[in-house]
Amino acid sequence: MHPGENLLVPAPGAAGGGSATVAYTAGEEDLLARLITAEADGEPFAAQVAVGAVVLNRVKSPLFPGTIGGVIYEIDPATGAYQFTPVLNGWIDNPASASGIAAARDALAGWDPTGGALYYFDTTAGNYWLQSLPVAIVIGDLQFAY
């Protein structure tokens, strides 16, 4: 923290707070599992669940689209880029791993290791904006933020 910065700690049950589950279809469960596989395969299981939780926290937040597919395929209006790299590089089209499927199911059941994070990134990422966000938790090589 630096002078003039604010620390945001979401209240339990707040939008993005991770307390409520979202409605989903079998296709959305598969899409979430494929994203988790593409983004976090090889990371600790809790990090995989956390990736899924970030997507679900975004679904619940008024700042993002209100569906799993809408969040995953969202294009940033400021940059014209997809929010998730696997959509851009096509890895989202690969089958989900068994671990990715299990992580998606746990996230959809309500497990949120991040406590409501809306963002995640590799700890080696050089993006100043992402690194300026309040940190929720670091799991493996992934940092989760509000």
N, C-alpha and C. Protein backbone atom coordinates (compact mmCIF):
# COMPACT_ATOMS: atom_id res chain seq x y z
N MET A 1 0.84 -1.18 0.00
CA MET A 1 0.00 0.00 0.00
C MET A 1 0.88 1.24 0.00
N HIS A 2 0.38 2.24 -0.66
CA HIS A 2 1.06 3.52 -0.72
C HIS A 2 0.10 4.61 -0.28
N PRO A 3 0.59 5.75 0.18
CA PRO A 3 -0.30 6.83 0.57
C PRO A 3 -1.28 7.16 -0.56
N GLY A 4 -2.53 7.34 -0.18
CA GLY A 4 -3.57 7.68 -1.15
C GLY A 4 -4.26 6.49 -1.77
N GLU A 5 -3.74 5.26 -1.57
CA GLU A 5 -4.38 4.07 -2.11
C GLU A 5 -5.42 3.56 -1.12
N ASN A 6 -6.44 2.90 -1.65
CA ASN A 6 -7.48 2.33 -0.81
C ASN A 6 -7.40 0.82 -0.83
N LEU A 7 -7.66 0.21 0.30
CA LEU A 7 -7.71 -1.24 0.41
C LEU A 7 -9.17 -1.65 0.35
N LEU A 8 -9.51 -2.52 -0.58
CA LEU A 8 -10.87 -2.99 -0.74
C LEU A 8 -10.97 -4.40 -0.19
N VAL A 9 -11.81 -4.59 0.82
CA VAL A 9 -12.06 -5.91 1.38
C VAL A 9 -13.55 -6.16 1.22
N PRO A 10 -13.93 -7.06 0.29
CA PRO A 10 -15.36 -7.28 0.06
C PRO A 10 -16.05 -7.88 1.27
N ALA A 11 -17.26 -7.47 1.51
CA ALA A 11 -18.05 -8.03 2.59
C ALA A 11 -18.58 -9.39 2.17
N PRO A 12 -18.70 -10.34 3.11
CA PRO A 12 -19.29 -11.64 2.75
C PRO A 12 -20.67 -11.44 2.15
N GLY A 13 -20.92 -12.13 1.06
CA GLY A 13 -22.21 -12.04 0.40
C GLY A 13 -22.33 -10.89 -0.57
N ALA A 14 -21.31 -10.04 -0.65
CA ALA A 14 -21.35 -8.93 -1.60
C ALA A 14 -21.17 -9.47 -3.01
N ALA A 15 -21.52 -8.67 -4.01
CA ALA A 15 -21.30 -9.11 -5.39
C ALA A 15 -19.85 -9.48 -5.56
N GLY A 16 -19.61 -10.69 -6.05
CA GLY A 16 -18.24 -11.16 -6.16
C GLY A 16 -17.74 -11.76 -4.87
N GLY A 17 -18.57 -11.81 -3.84
CA GLY A 17 -18.13 -12.31 -2.54
C GLY A 17 -18.01 -13.81 -2.46
N GLY A 18 -18.47 -14.52 -3.45
CA GLY A 18 -18.24 -15.96 -3.50
C GLY A 18 -19.20 -16.78 -2.67
N SER A 19 -20.27 -16.20 -2.12
CA SER A 19 -21.11 -16.96 -1.22
C SER A 19 -22.28 -17.65 -1.92
N ALA A 20 -22.74 -17.15 -3.02
CA ALA A 20 -23.89 -17.72 -3.70
C ALA A 20 -23.45 -18.43 -4.98
N THR A 21 -24.15 -19.50 -5.32
CA THR A 21 -23.84 -20.21 -6.55
C THR A 21 -24.61 -19.56 -7.71
N VAL A 22 -24.24 -19.94 -8.92
CA VAL A 22 -24.91 -19.41 -10.11
C VAL A 22 -25.57 -20.57 -10.87
N ALA A 23 -26.62 -20.25 -11.61
CA ALA A 23 -27.25 -21.25 -12.46
C ALA A 23 -26.35 -21.51 -13.66
N TYR A 24 -26.32 -22.77 -14.11
CA TYR A 24 -25.46 -23.12 -15.24
C TYR A 24 -26.00 -24.34 -15.95
N THR A 25 -25.58 -24.49 -17.20
CA THR A 25 -25.95 -25.66 -18.01
C THR A 25 -24.77 -26.63 -18.04
N ALA A 26 -25.00 -27.82 -18.57
CA ALA A 26 -23.91 -28.79 -18.72
C ALA A 26 -22.84 -28.24 -19.66
N GLY A 27 -23.27 -27.52 -20.69
CA GLY A 27 -22.31 -26.91 -21.61
C GLY A 27 -21.44 -25.86 -20.93
N GLU A 28 -22.04 -25.09 -20.03
CA GLU A 28 -21.26 -24.08 -19.30
C GLU A 28 -20.30 -24.73 -18.31
N GLU A 29 -20.72 -25.84 -17.71
CA GLU A 29 -19.81 -26.57 -16.82
C GLU A 29 -18.60 -27.06 -17.61
N ASP A 30 -18.84 -27.60 -18.80
CA ASP A 30 -17.74 -28.06 -19.65
C ASP A 30 -16.85 -26.90 -20.07
N LEU A 31 -17.44 -25.77 -20.45
CA LEU A 31 -16.66 -24.59 -20.84
C LEU A 31 -15.79 -24.12 -19.69
N LEU A 32 -16.34 -24.07 -18.49
CA LEU A 32 -15.57 -23.66 -17.31
C LEU A 32 -14.43 -24.64 -17.05
N ALA A 33 -14.70 -25.94 -17.17
CA ALA A 33 -13.66 -26.95 -16.96
C ALA A 33 -12.55 -26.82 -18.00
N ARG A 34 -12.91 -26.52 -19.25
CA ARG A 34 -11.89 -26.33 -20.29
C ARG A 34 -11.04 -25.08 -20.03
N LEU A 35 -11.67 -24.01 -19.54
CA LEU A 35 -10.90 -22.81 -19.21
C LEU A 35 -9.94 -23.11 -18.06
N ILE A 36 -10.43 -23.78 -17.03
CA ILE A 36 -9.58 -24.13 -15.89
C ILE A 36 -8.40 -24.96 -16.36
N THR A 37 -8.66 -25.95 -17.21
CA THR A 37 -7.58 -26.79 -17.73
C THR A 37 -6.56 -25.96 -18.49
N ALA A 38 -7.04 -25.08 -19.36
CA ALA A 38 -6.14 -24.26 -20.18
C ALA A 38 -5.35 -23.26 -19.35
N GLU A 39 -5.96 -22.71 -18.32
CA GLU A 39 -5.32 -21.67 -17.52
C GLU A 39 -4.48 -22.21 -16.37
N ALA A 40 -4.88 -23.34 -15.79
CA ALA A 40 -4.27 -23.73 -14.51
C ALA A 40 -3.87 -25.19 -14.41
N ASP A 41 -3.88 -25.93 -15.52
CA ASP A 41 -3.44 -27.33 -15.45
C ASP A 41 -2.00 -27.35 -14.95
N GLY A 42 -1.70 -28.18 -13.98
CA GLY A 42 -0.36 -28.23 -13.41
C GLY A 42 -0.23 -27.39 -12.15
N GLU A 43 -1.19 -26.53 -11.89
CA GLU A 43 -1.21 -25.75 -10.65
C GLU A 43 -1.87 -26.60 -9.55
N PRO A 44 -1.69 -26.23 -8.29
CA PRO A 44 -2.38 -26.95 -7.21
C PRO A 44 -3.89 -26.95 -7.45
N PHE A 45 -4.56 -27.99 -6.96
CA PHE A 45 -6.00 -28.12 -7.18
C PHE A 45 -6.75 -26.88 -6.68
N ALA A 46 -6.36 -26.34 -5.55
CA ALA A 46 -7.04 -25.14 -5.02
C ALA A 46 -6.93 -23.97 -5.99
N ALA A 47 -5.82 -23.86 -6.70
CA ALA A 47 -5.66 -22.79 -7.70
C ALA A 47 -6.60 -23.03 -8.88
N GLN A 48 -6.79 -24.28 -9.25
CA GLN A 48 -7.71 -24.59 -10.34
C GLN A 48 -9.14 -24.22 -9.95
N VAL A 49 -9.53 -24.57 -8.73
CA VAL A 49 -10.86 -24.19 -8.25
C VAL A 49 -10.98 -22.66 -8.20
N ALA A 50 -9.91 -22.01 -7.77
CA ALA A 50 -9.92 -20.55 -7.67
C ALA A 50 -10.11 -19.88 -9.03
N VAL A 51 -9.53 -20.44 -10.08
CA VAL A 51 -9.75 -19.91 -11.43
C VAL A 51 -11.24 -19.99 -11.77
N GLY A 52 -11.85 -21.12 -11.49
CA GLY A 52 -13.28 -21.25 -11.72
C GLY A 52 -14.09 -20.28 -10.87
N ALA A 53 -13.66 -20.10 -9.63
CA ALA A 53 -14.36 -19.17 -8.73
C ALA A 53 -14.30 -17.74 -9.25
N VAL A 54 -13.18 -17.34 -9.83
CA VAL A 54 -13.07 -15.99 -10.38
C VAL A 54 -14.10 -15.79 -11.49
N VAL A 55 -14.24 -16.78 -12.36
CA VAL A 55 -15.25 -16.69 -13.42
C VAL A 55 -16.63 -16.53 -12.81
N LEU A 56 -16.94 -17.34 -11.81
CA LEU A 56 -18.27 -17.28 -11.18
C LEU A 56 -18.47 -15.97 -10.42
N ASN A 57 -17.42 -15.47 -9.79
CA ASN A 57 -17.52 -14.16 -9.11
C ASN A 57 -17.81 -13.06 -10.12
N ARG A 58 -17.23 -13.17 -11.30
CA ARG A 58 -17.51 -12.19 -12.35
C ARG A 58 -18.97 -12.31 -12.82
N VAL A 59 -19.47 -13.53 -12.95
CA VAL A 59 -20.87 -13.72 -13.34
C VAL A 59 -21.78 -12.99 -12.36
N LYS A 60 -21.45 -13.04 -11.07
CA LYS A 60 -22.27 -12.43 -10.03
C LYS A 60 -22.05 -10.92 -9.89
N SER A 61 -21.00 -10.40 -10.49
CA SER A 61 -20.67 -8.98 -10.38
C SER A 61 -21.35 -8.17 -11.47
N PRO A 62 -21.85 -6.99 -11.14
CA PRO A 62 -22.44 -6.13 -12.18
C PRO A 62 -21.40 -5.56 -13.15
N LEU A 63 -20.14 -5.76 -12.87
CA LEU A 63 -19.07 -5.24 -13.73
C LEU A 63 -18.81 -6.12 -14.95
N PHE A 64 -19.39 -7.33 -14.96
CA PHE A 64 -19.08 -8.32 -16.00
C PHE A 64 -20.38 -8.93 -16.53
N PRO A 65 -20.30 -9.65 -17.67
CA PRO A 65 -21.49 -10.33 -18.19
C PRO A 65 -22.07 -11.31 -17.16
N GLY A 66 -23.35 -11.59 -17.26
CA GLY A 66 -24.04 -12.38 -16.26
C GLY A 66 -24.11 -13.87 -16.52
N THR A 67 -23.30 -14.39 -17.46
CA THR A 67 -23.28 -15.82 -17.72
C THR A 67 -21.83 -16.31 -17.78
N ILE A 68 -21.65 -17.60 -17.60
CA ILE A 68 -20.30 -18.18 -17.66
C ILE A 68 -19.70 -17.95 -19.04
N GLY A 69 -20.46 -18.25 -20.08
CA GLY A 69 -19.96 -18.04 -21.43
C GLY A 69 -19.69 -16.57 -21.72
N GLY A 70 -20.57 -15.70 -21.24
CA GLY A 70 -20.38 -14.27 -21.44
C GLY A 70 -19.09 -13.77 -20.81
N VAL A 71 -18.78 -14.27 -19.61
CA VAL A 71 -17.55 -13.88 -18.93
C VAL A 71 -16.34 -14.43 -19.67
N ILE A 72 -16.37 -15.71 -20.02
CA ILE A 72 -15.20 -16.34 -20.64
C ILE A 72 -14.90 -15.75 -22.02
N TYR A 73 -15.93 -15.43 -22.78
CA TYR A 73 -15.72 -14.91 -24.13
C TYR A 73 -15.77 -13.38 -24.20
N GLU A 74 -15.78 -12.71 -23.06
CA GLU A 74 -15.85 -11.25 -23.05
C GLU A 74 -14.63 -10.62 -23.73
N ILE A 75 -14.90 -9.59 -24.49
CA ILE A 75 -13.84 -8.80 -25.11
C ILE A 75 -13.77 -7.46 -24.38
N ASP A 76 -12.57 -7.09 -23.96
CA ASP A 76 -12.36 -5.82 -23.27
C ASP A 76 -12.61 -4.68 -24.25
N PRO A 77 -13.60 -3.83 -23.98
CA PRO A 77 -13.90 -2.75 -24.93
C PRO A 77 -12.75 -1.75 -25.08
N ALA A 78 -11.93 -1.62 -24.06
CA ALA A 78 -10.83 -0.66 -24.12
C ALA A 78 -9.69 -1.15 -25.01
N THR A 79 -9.45 -2.48 -24.98
CA THR A 79 -8.29 -3.02 -25.71
C THR A 79 -8.69 -3.86 -26.92
N GLY A 80 -9.94 -4.33 -26.95
CA GLY A 80 -10.36 -5.22 -28.02
C GLY A 80 -9.84 -6.63 -27.86
N ALA A 81 -9.26 -6.93 -26.70
CA ALA A 81 -8.68 -8.25 -26.44
C ALA A 81 -9.62 -9.09 -25.58
N TYR A 82 -9.52 -10.41 -25.75
CA TYR A 82 -10.27 -11.31 -24.88
C TYR A 82 -9.73 -11.20 -23.46
N GLN A 83 -10.60 -11.42 -22.49
CA GLN A 83 -10.20 -11.39 -21.09
C GLN A 83 -9.30 -12.58 -20.73
N PHE A 84 -9.49 -13.71 -21.41
CA PHE A 84 -8.76 -14.94 -21.08
C PHE A 84 -7.96 -15.40 -22.29
N THR A 85 -6.66 -15.56 -22.11
CA THR A 85 -5.74 -15.94 -23.18
C THR A 85 -6.16 -17.21 -23.91
N PRO A 86 -6.65 -18.27 -23.22
CA PRO A 86 -7.03 -19.49 -23.95
C PRO A 86 -8.11 -19.28 -25.01
N VAL A 87 -8.91 -18.25 -24.87
CA VAL A 87 -9.90 -17.95 -25.91
C VAL A 87 -9.17 -17.43 -27.15
N LEU A 88 -8.18 -16.59 -26.93
CA LEU A 88 -7.40 -16.01 -28.03
C LEU A 88 -6.57 -17.07 -28.75
N ASN A 89 -5.88 -17.93 -27.97
CA ASN A 89 -4.96 -18.89 -28.59
C ASN A 89 -5.61 -20.22 -28.96
N GLY A 90 -6.90 -20.40 -28.65
CA GLY A 90 -7.62 -21.61 -29.04
C GLY A 90 -7.55 -22.75 -28.05
N TRP A 91 -6.79 -22.61 -26.98
CA TRP A 91 -6.68 -23.70 -26.00
C TRP A 91 -8.01 -24.00 -25.33
N ILE A 92 -8.93 -23.04 -25.34
CA ILE A 92 -10.25 -23.23 -24.76
C ILE A 92 -11.00 -24.36 -25.47
N ASP A 93 -10.60 -24.67 -26.70
CA ASP A 93 -11.27 -25.71 -27.49
C ASP A 93 -10.77 -27.11 -27.19
N ASN A 94 -9.70 -27.24 -26.40
CA ASN A 94 -9.18 -28.56 -26.03
C ASN A 94 -10.05 -29.17 -24.94
N PRO A 95 -10.12 -30.51 -24.88
CA PRO A 95 -10.92 -31.16 -23.84
C PRO A 95 -10.39 -30.83 -22.44
N ALA A 96 -11.29 -30.81 -21.48
CA ALA A 96 -10.92 -30.57 -20.09
C ALA A 96 -10.24 -31.80 -19.51
N SER A 97 -9.31 -31.57 -18.60
CA SER A 97 -8.67 -32.66 -17.86
C SER A 97 -9.62 -33.11 -16.75
N ALA A 98 -9.35 -34.29 -16.19
CA ALA A 98 -10.15 -34.78 -15.06
C ALA A 98 -10.08 -33.80 -13.90
N SER A 99 -8.91 -33.24 -13.67
CA SER A 99 -8.73 -32.27 -12.60
C SER A 99 -9.51 -30.99 -12.88
N GLY A 100 -9.50 -30.55 -14.13
CA GLY A 100 -10.26 -29.35 -14.51
C GLY A 100 -11.76 -29.55 -14.31
N ILE A 101 -12.24 -30.74 -14.63
CA ILE A 101 -13.66 -31.06 -14.44
C ILE A 101 -14.01 -31.04 -12.96
N ALA A 102 -13.17 -31.68 -12.14
CA ALA A 102 -13.41 -31.71 -10.69
C ALA A 102 -13.36 -30.30 -10.10
N ALA A 103 -12.41 -29.49 -10.56
CA ALA A 103 -12.29 -28.12 -10.06
C ALA A 103 -13.51 -27.29 -10.44
N ALA A 104 -13.99 -27.45 -11.67
CA ALA A 104 -15.18 -26.72 -12.11
C ALA A 104 -16.38 -27.11 -11.24
N ARG A 105 -16.53 -28.38 -10.97
CA ARG A 105 -17.66 -28.84 -10.15
C ARG A 105 -17.57 -28.28 -8.74
N ASP A 106 -16.36 -28.24 -8.17
CA ASP A 106 -16.20 -27.68 -6.82
C ASP A 106 -16.51 -26.19 -6.81
N ALA A 107 -16.04 -25.46 -7.83
CA ALA A 107 -16.33 -24.03 -7.90
C ALA A 107 -17.84 -23.80 -8.07
N LEU A 108 -18.46 -24.58 -8.94
CA LEU A 108 -19.90 -24.44 -9.16
C LEU A 108 -20.71 -24.81 -7.92
N ALA A 109 -20.14 -25.67 -7.07
CA ALA A 109 -20.81 -26.04 -5.82
C ALA A 109 -20.64 -24.98 -4.74
N GLY A 110 -19.80 -23.95 -5.02
CA GLY A 110 -19.67 -22.85 -4.08
C GLY A 110 -18.33 -22.67 -3.41
N TRP A 111 -17.35 -23.55 -3.69
CA TRP A 111 -16.03 -23.38 -3.07
C TRP A 111 -15.30 -22.22 -3.76
N ASP A 112 -14.92 -21.24 -2.99
CA ASP A 112 -14.17 -20.09 -3.50
C ASP A 112 -12.95 -19.85 -2.62
N PRO A 113 -11.80 -20.43 -2.97
CA PRO A 113 -10.58 -20.23 -2.18
C PRO A 113 -10.10 -18.78 -2.14
N THR A 114 -10.66 -17.92 -3.02
CA THR A 114 -10.19 -16.54 -3.13
C THR A 114 -10.97 -15.56 -2.26
N GLY A 115 -12.12 -15.97 -1.76
CA GLY A 115 -12.93 -15.05 -0.99
C GLY A 115 -13.55 -13.93 -1.82
N GLY A 116 -13.76 -14.18 -3.10
CA GLY A 116 -14.47 -13.21 -3.94
C GLY A 116 -13.63 -12.49 -4.97
N ALA A 117 -12.44 -12.97 -5.27
CA ALA A 117 -11.57 -12.30 -6.25
C ALA A 117 -12.23 -12.23 -7.63
N LEU A 118 -11.92 -11.16 -8.35
CA LEU A 118 -12.43 -10.96 -9.70
C LEU A 118 -11.35 -11.10 -10.76
N TYR A 119 -10.09 -11.21 -10.34
CA TYR A 119 -8.97 -11.26 -11.28
C TYR A 119 -7.95 -12.29 -10.80
N TYR A 120 -7.21 -12.83 -11.75
CA TYR A 120 -6.04 -13.66 -11.42
C TYR A 120 -5.02 -13.49 -12.52
N PHE A 121 -3.77 -13.76 -12.17
CA PHE A 121 -2.69 -13.66 -13.14
C PHE A 121 -1.49 -14.42 -12.62
N ASP A 122 -0.62 -14.79 -13.53
CA ASP A 122 0.62 -15.46 -13.17
C ASP A 122 1.47 -14.50 -12.36
N THR A 123 2.11 -15.01 -11.33
CA THR A 123 2.91 -14.15 -10.45
C THR A 123 4.06 -13.48 -11.17
N THR A 124 4.43 -13.99 -12.34
CA THR A 124 5.53 -13.37 -13.10
C THR A 124 5.04 -12.34 -14.11
N ALA A 125 3.72 -12.12 -14.15
CA ALA A 125 3.16 -11.16 -15.12
C ALA A 125 3.71 -9.77 -14.85
N GLY A 126 4.00 -9.05 -15.91
CA GLY A 126 4.55 -7.72 -15.78
C GLY A 126 3.51 -6.62 -15.95
N ASN A 127 2.25 -6.92 -15.71
CA ASN A 127 1.19 -5.95 -15.89
C ASN A 127 1.03 -5.10 -14.63
N TYR A 128 1.38 -3.83 -14.71
CA TYR A 128 1.34 -2.95 -13.54
C TYR A 128 -0.07 -2.83 -12.98
N TRP A 129 -1.08 -2.71 -13.88
CA TRP A 129 -2.45 -2.55 -13.40
C TRP A 129 -2.87 -3.75 -12.57
N LEU A 130 -2.63 -4.96 -13.07
CA LEU A 130 -3.00 -6.16 -12.31
C LEU A 130 -2.25 -6.21 -10.99
N GLN A 131 -0.98 -5.88 -11.02
CA GLN A 131 -0.18 -5.95 -9.80
C GLN A 131 -0.57 -4.87 -8.80
N SER A 132 -1.31 -3.86 -9.23
CA SER A 132 -1.73 -2.80 -8.31
C SER A 132 -3.02 -3.16 -7.56
N LEU A 133 -3.68 -4.24 -7.97
CA LEU A 133 -4.94 -4.63 -7.33
C LEU A 133 -4.70 -5.24 -5.95
N PRO A 134 -5.65 -5.08 -5.02
CA PRO A 134 -5.51 -5.70 -3.71
C PRO A 134 -5.47 -7.23 -3.85
N VAL A 135 -4.50 -7.84 -3.21
CA VAL A 135 -4.30 -9.29 -3.32
C VAL A 135 -5.26 -10.03 -2.39
N ALA A 136 -5.93 -11.03 -2.94
CA ALA A 136 -6.78 -11.90 -2.14
C ALA A 136 -5.96 -13.06 -1.60
N ILE A 137 -5.22 -13.73 -2.50
CA ILE A 137 -4.44 -14.91 -2.11
C ILE A 137 -3.51 -15.28 -3.28
N VAL A 138 -2.42 -15.91 -2.96
CA VAL A 138 -1.53 -16.49 -3.97
C VAL A 138 -1.57 -18.00 -3.77
N ILE A 139 -1.87 -18.73 -4.84
CA ILE A 139 -1.90 -20.19 -4.80
C ILE A 139 -1.05 -20.69 -5.95
N GLY A 140 0.00 -21.42 -5.64
CA GLY A 140 0.91 -21.87 -6.68
C GLY A 140 1.53 -20.66 -7.35
N ASP A 141 1.49 -20.63 -8.68
CA ASP A 141 2.05 -19.52 -9.44
C ASP A 141 0.99 -18.49 -9.84
N LEU A 142 -0.19 -18.58 -9.25
CA LEU A 142 -1.27 -17.66 -9.61
C LEU A 142 -1.60 -16.74 -8.45
N GLN A 143 -1.75 -15.47 -8.76
CA GLN A 143 -2.15 -14.47 -7.78
C GLN A 143 -3.58 -14.07 -8.08
N PHE A 144 -4.41 -14.04 -7.05
CA PHE A 144 -5.82 -13.70 -7.17
C PHE A 144 -6.05 -12.36 -6.49
N ALA A 145 -6.84 -11.50 -7.14
CA ALA A 145 -6.99 -10.13 -6.65
C ALA A 145 -8.43 -9.65 -6.79
N TYR A 146 -8.74 -8.58 -6.03
CA TYR A 146 -10.07 -7.96 -6.05
C TYR A 146 -10.10 -6.85 -7.07
